[in-house]
């Protein structure tokens, strides 16, 4: 499946910026409120964010490779 540039950039922003910031925010709130198992919840969320980041980075490599091949095809006409 191929993503549009806009969708790609939005997903990259969500995975690299928003999700880690949100997990940090939850950590502060959990600590302030005294949520039981807050550390466990944060560990699971951080693992999920790492999982998404890894998948996205793999996809990003393929995406960049495809873009380079398209540029070569455009030049070689």
Protein backbone atom coordinates (compact mmCIF):
# COMPACT_ATOMS: atom_id res chain seq x y z
CA UNK A 1 0.00 0.00 0.00
CA UNK A 2 1.33 3.39 -0.95
CA UNK A 3 0.67 6.47 1.18
CA UNK A 4 0.35 10.00 -0.10
CA UNK A 5 3.10 12.43 0.93
CA UNK A 6 0.65 14.23 3.22
CA UNK A 7 -0.42 11.03 5.00
CA UNK A 8 3.22 9.95 5.32
CA UNK A 9 4.22 13.25 6.93
CA UNK A 10 1.27 13.18 9.33
CA UNK A 11 2.05 9.63 10.44
CA UNK A 12 5.72 10.49 10.87
CA UNK A 13 4.79 13.48 13.04
CA UNK A 14 2.37 11.42 15.13
CA UNK A 15 4.83 8.58 15.74
CA UNK A 16 7.95 10.71 16.29
CA UNK A 17 6.53 13.71 18.16
CA UNK A 18 2.96 13.32 19.41
CA UNK A 19 3.02 9.78 20.79
CA UNK A 20 6.22 10.16 22.88
CA UNK A 21 4.97 13.51 24.23
CA UNK A 22 1.61 11.97 25.10
CA UNK A 23 3.26 9.04 26.89
CA UNK A 24 5.40 11.49 28.89
CA UNK A 25 2.30 13.52 29.75
CA UNK A 26 0.52 10.38 30.96
CA UNK A 27 3.53 9.49 33.09
CA UNK A 28 3.35 12.83 34.88
CA UNK A 29 -0.42 12.58 35.35
CA UNK A 30 -0.23 8.98 36.57
CA UNK A 31 2.44 9.95 39.10
CA UNK A 32 0.52 13.01 40.31
CA UNK A 33 -2.75 11.14 40.71
CA UNK A 34 -1.21 7.91 41.98
CA UNK A 35 -2.62 5.59 39.32
CA UNK A 36 -2.10 1.95 40.22
CA UNK A 37 0.03 0.11 37.66
CA UNK A 38 0.94 3.42 36.01
CA UNK A 39 4.47 2.20 35.36
CA UNK A 40 3.18 -0.94 33.68
CA UNK A 41 0.82 1.06 31.49
CA UNK A 42 3.64 3.41 30.47
CA UNK A 43 5.94 0.50 29.69
CA UNK A 44 3.31 -1.03 27.40
CA UNK A 45 2.66 2.32 25.67
CA UNK A 46 6.39 2.93 25.19
CA UNK A 47 6.82 -0.56 23.74
CA UNK A 48 3.91 0.11 21.36
CA UNK A 49 5.48 3.41 20.30
CA UNK A 50 8.79 1.65 19.67
CA UNK A 51 6.97 -1.01 17.65
CA UNK A 52 5.26 1.64 15.50
CA UNK A 53 8.51 3.56 15.07
CA UNK A 54 10.34 0.45 13.91
CA UNK A 55 7.64 -0.47 11.42
CA UNK A 56 7.48 3.10 10.16
CA UNK A 57 11.26 3.35 9.76
CA UNK A 58 11.27 0.15 7.70
CA UNK A 59 8.47 1.54 5.56
CA UNK A 60 10.28 4.87 5.31
CA UNK A 61 13.34 3.11 3.90
CA UNK A 62 11.22 1.46 1.21
CA UNK A 63 9.35 4.71 0.55
CA UNK A 64 12.60 6.65 0.06
CA UNK A 65 13.98 3.90 -2.19
CA UNK A 66 10.84 3.98 -4.36
CA UNK A 67 11.03 7.78 -4.61
CA UNK A 68 14.65 7.59 -5.77
CA UNK A 69 13.73 5.02 -8.42
CA UNK A 70 10.89 7.25 -9.64
CA UNK A 71 13.28 10.19 -9.98
CA UNK A 72 15.67 8.04 -12.01
CA UNK A 73 12.84 6.97 -14.32
CA UNK A 74 11.79 10.59 -14.82
CA UNK A 75 15.32 11.58 -15.80
CA UNK A 76 15.91 8.61 -18.12
CA UNK A 77 13.00 9.26 -20.47
